[in-house]
Protein backbone atom coordinates (compact mmCIF):
# COMPACT_ATOMS: atom_id res chain seq x y z
CA MET A 1 -11.51 0.31 2.14
CA LYS A 2 -11.09 -3.27 3.36
CA MET A 3 -9.61 -5.96 1.14
CA GLN A 4 -12.27 -8.11 -0.48
CA THR A 5 -11.68 -11.57 -1.90
CA LEU A 6 -13.53 -12.59 -5.05
CA THR A 7 -13.62 -16.19 -6.28
CA ILE A 8 -14.06 -17.76 -9.69
CA HIS A 9 -13.76 -21.40 -10.75
CA HIS A 10 -12.64 -23.07 -13.97
CA LEU A 11 -13.07 -26.68 -15.03
CA VAL A 12 -9.97 -27.97 -16.86
CA LYS A 13 -11.09 -29.45 -20.19
CA GLY A 14 -9.25 -31.02 -23.12
CA GLU A 15 -8.73 -27.72 -24.93
CA ASP A 16 -6.97 -26.34 -21.80
CA LEU A 17 -4.19 -28.98 -21.84
CA ASN A 18 -0.59 -28.88 -23.00
CA HIS A 19 1.35 -31.74 -24.64
CA HIS A 20 1.88 -33.29 -21.18
CA ARG A 21 -1.91 -33.46 -20.71
CA THR A 22 -1.85 -30.96 -17.83
CA LEU A 23 -3.13 -27.38 -17.69
CA TYR A 24 -1.37 -25.26 -20.32
CA ALA A 25 0.46 -22.36 -18.63
CA GLY A 26 -0.99 -19.90 -21.16
CA ARG A 27 -4.53 -20.87 -20.19
CA GLY A 28 -3.60 -20.64 -16.51
CA ALA A 29 -2.21 -17.13 -17.16
CA GLU A 30 -5.43 -16.16 -18.96
CA TRP A 31 -7.50 -17.28 -15.99
CA LEU A 32 -5.13 -15.55 -13.54
CA VAL A 33 -5.56 -12.24 -15.39
CA GLU A 34 -9.32 -12.77 -15.60
CA ALA A 35 -9.54 -13.29 -11.83
CA GLY A 36 -7.47 -10.16 -11.15
CA PHE A 37 -9.53 -8.15 -13.62
CA ILE A 38 -12.73 -9.21 -11.86
CA ALA A 39 -11.33 -7.95 -8.54
CA ALA A 40 -10.30 -4.62 -10.11
CA SER A 41 -13.59 -4.17 -11.96
CA ASP A 42 -15.47 -4.81 -8.73
CA LEU A 43 -14.02 -1.48 -7.55
CA LEU A 44 -14.00 0.49 -10.82
CA PRO A 45 -15.95 0.53 -14.10
CA PRO A 46 -14.45 -2.36 -16.13
CA GLU A 47 -14.31 -0.37 -19.37
CA TYR A 48 -11.65 1.84 -17.72
CA VAL A 49 -9.51 -0.95 -16.22
CA LEU A 50 -6.47 -2.08 -18.20
CA CYS A 51 -4.02 -4.88 -17.42
CA LEU A 52 -0.52 -3.43 -17.29
CA LYS A 53 1.76 -6.21 -16.06
CA ILE A 54 1.86 -9.75 -14.70
CA HIS A 55 4.57 -9.63 -12.04
CA GLY A 56 4.90 -13.29 -11.46
CA MET A 57 3.08 -16.52 -11.91
CA THR A 58 4.48 -19.51 -10.11
CA PHE A 59 2.96 -22.94 -10.68
CA THR A 60 3.43 -25.28 -7.74
CA ARG A 61 1.37 -28.26 -8.88
CA PRO A 62 0.23 -29.68 -12.23
CA VAL A 63 -3.51 -29.58 -12.92
CA GLU A 64 -5.13 -32.59 -14.55
CA PRO A 65 -8.11 -32.73 -16.92
CA GLY A 66 -11.41 -32.74 -15.05
CA GLU A 67 -10.04 -30.87 -12.05
CA VAL A 68 -11.58 -27.59 -10.93
CA VAL A 69 -9.28 -24.64 -10.26
CA ARG A 70 -10.43 -22.03 -7.75
CA TYR A 71 -9.01 -18.52 -8.22
CA ASP A 72 -9.20 -16.18 -5.19
CA SER A 73 -8.32 -12.61 -6.09
CA ARG A 74 -8.12 -9.35 -4.20
CA ILE A 75 -6.77 -5.89 -4.71
CA VAL A 76 -3.98 -5.57 -2.15
CA TRP A 77 -2.44 -2.19 -3.00
CA THR A 78 -3.39 0.98 -4.85
CA GLY A 79 -1.44 3.94 -6.14
CA ARG A 80 -2.70 7.07 -7.83
CA SER A 81 -4.05 5.21 -10.86
CA ARG A 82 -2.73 1.68 -10.28
CA LEU A 83 -4.29 -1.28 -8.56
CA ILE A 84 -2.30 -4.40 -7.75
CA ALA A 85 -4.15 -7.69 -7.43
CA TYR A 86 -2.90 -10.82 -5.72
CA ILE A 87 -4.36 -14.02 -7.10
CA ARG A 88 -4.03 -17.46 -5.56
CA ALA A 89 -5.36 -20.56 -7.28
CA THR A 90 -6.01 -23.88 -5.60
CA THR A 91 -7.05 -27.30 -6.81
CA LYS A 92 -8.39 -29.84 -4.33
CA GLY A 93 -7.25 -27.53 -1.53
CA GLU A 94 -3.63 -27.40 -2.75
CA GLN A 95 -2.06 -24.24 -4.13
CA THR A 96 -1.69 -24.47 -7.89
CA VAL A 97 -0.42 -21.04 -8.89
CA ASP A 98 -0.20 -17.52 -7.51
CA GLY A 99 0.98 -14.12 -8.63
CA PHE A 100 0.52 -10.35 -8.70
CA ILE A 101 -0.94 -8.29 -11.54
CA THR A 102 -0.96 -4.50 -11.96
CA PHE A 103 -3.99 -2.83 -13.50
CA VAL A 104 -4.29 0.84 -14.36
CA TYR A 105 -7.37 3.06 -14.33
CA ILE A 106 -7.66 5.00 -17.61
CA ASP A 107 -9.78 7.78 -19.12
CA ASP A 108 -11.61 7.82 -22.46
CA TYR A 109 -8.30 8.58 -24.23
CA GLY A 110 -6.32 5.71 -22.68
CA LYS A 111 -4.37 7.93 -20.28
CA SER A 112 -4.03 6.98 -16.63
CA ARG A 113 -6.19 8.86 -14.17
CA PRO A 114 -6.64 8.85 -10.39
CA HIS A 115 -9.18 6.44 -8.98
CA GLY A 116 -9.28 7.68 -5.37
CA ILE A 117 -9.26 4.18 -3.82
CA THR A 118 -7.19 3.29 -0.77
CA ILE A 119 -6.89 -0.29 0.49
CA ASP A 120 -6.42 -0.92 4.20
CA ALA A 121 -4.55 -4.04 5.29
CA GLU A 122 -5.88 -5.44 8.58
CA THR A 123 -4.52 -8.96 9.08
CA ASP A 124 -0.88 -10.07 9.13
CA GLU A 125 -1.43 -11.83 5.79
CA GLU A 126 -2.92 -8.68 4.23
CA ILE A 127 -0.06 -6.54 5.55
CA GLU A 128 2.49 -8.95 4.07
CA LEU A 129 0.73 -9.03 0.68
CA GLN A 130 0.51 -5.22 0.64
CA GLN A 131 4.21 -4.90 1.44
CA ARG A 132 5.14 -7.37 -1.31
CA ALA A 133 2.94 -5.47 -3.78
CA LYS A 134 4.58 -2.13 -2.90
CA LEU A 135 7.94 -3.55 -3.97
CA LEU A 136 6.73 -4.44 -7.47
């Protein structure tokens, strides 16, 4: 299966700010997980997708109130029951934050189960992201 990119947007409002009046990292993490979850649940029933681990979340730019953050997410690697998403957020065309998140496909009892999905990397960027994800 080819990698697919899904996009969501969030408007930064007063309740999303920290004491410096920029986007609170906790809210940014929430949105990062949400974007990854949407990519995973595009491939599998969402009631059986569980977030296992955030592997990294690096902010590269503060986000001000009133700005819109765009989250582009895609599943870049799959294992037997795992799916690893790469999420990249931008604001006004500049990277804001990026990171990898592992999700696991579970059964009705919360145990991992095979999903049967294989992701094919085609571009140099996709190959690099897949290789980075394999090392997590």
